[in-house]
Amino acid sequence: RLAHTMSSPTSPCEEVIKNLSLEAIQLCDRDGNKSQDSGIAEMEELPVPHNIKISNITCDSFKISWDMDSKSKDRITHYFIDLNKKENKNSNKFKHKDVPTKLVAKAVPLPMTVRGHWFLSPRTEYTVAVQTASKQLDGDYVVSEWSEIIEFCTADYSKVHLTQLLEKAEVIAGRMLKLSVFYRNQHKEYFDYIREHHGNAMQPSVKDNSGSHGSPISGKLEGIFFSCNTEFNTGKPPQDSPYGRYRYEIAAEKLFNPNTNLYFGDFYCMYTAYHYVILVIAPVGSPGDEFCKQRLPQLNIKDNKFLTCDEEDGVMVYHHAQDVILEVIYTDPVDLSLGTVAEITGHQLMSLSTANAKKDPSCKTCNISVGR
């Protein structure tokens, strides 16, 4: 005990130890003992992590590293990592009601990868703090002070994750039906505004936050939404729509042809039996095309499960999947003169609107095994 105490520079005994009075040492031992029973009375405090760095951030993982004093470093057996969604102000509290976010990791060489879809969601802001810990023989831990709190944001789905979604969507896409037009429903005021303020051309706007939480196009990709689904019995667009009583129709080949690229954007449902697939059509070499090329799986326009464009006897022929609702984003402006605007005869079914719709995180059909 004496030898151990003397080797401990931060021990409260440090000064009085020089006069090697047994009485002084014993007195000091009692006064300085943090835990009379644990036998770690004279141990130095564990080093506190500082200068924390977060790197290699994905939608469900990140790497973390930090600096710490070398003193007592060899006693560290574990790291405690406290991870909180940023909106949760109770930082560094172990949460019993919520999913526990105090992660206990064995002390491995840094940087250390933190991974797990059950506590990390894509595109979400988190705070993180770290403690070093030493596991004792009785199973308890001695811990350092908490580090400073660092903030970071997880990433969107990568192409790998979107390809997993794509494969799930392909399973339920169903057989292909013919189509001849793309259409877009809006209120009369919208088309009046386009004619008056935009020289007759519909302008791309930033996509809302509907669909998968990790979607790389939400809040980032600019485009114009079109539909292309047809009624099974007529082969024509349905007469009902949630988006307004006026419909712009344009021949399919004017938007989708060999001079455009096609990308898979998302697959989701909103607590309903039917599913939505978002596709992006981008003129080759356009800003939208460059955006998608880096982030989305590209589809063969002649051969895919959702929307095809092929030539038969010198004529372009188009097909769409029967069993999903396709939402098509076209990334360039579209002049109204390329098509026609007319009032629909059916109902305005607001329940079908997908504006900022939240994806059902429990659906087995359209979720992949990373954060929602």
Foldseek 3Di string as FASTA:
>chain_A
DLVVLCVQCVQPCPPVCVVVDPVSVVVSQVVQAPDVPQPCSRPDADWEWEPKDWAPFAQFKIWIDTDTDPVCVVQFFKKWKAKDFPVDPPGPDQDDVDDGRGDIGTDDDPRDMDGDQVPGGAFTKMKMKMWTWGQGPVRDIRIHDIYDIDMDHHAAHFQVQQVVLQVLCLVQLADKAWFWKKKDAAAPVVQVCCVVPVVQKAFWDQADCFAGNRFPRHRPATFDKIFTAPDPVPNYRDLEAQHYFKMWIATPCVQDDPQWWKFWGHKFDQPDPAIETEMEIEGPPDPNNVVCVRGTHTDDQCDDSAWHWDDDPNDIIIIGGHRHTYIYTYRGIGGSVNTDMDGGDDYNDNVPDRHSGYGDQPDPSRDDRHHD
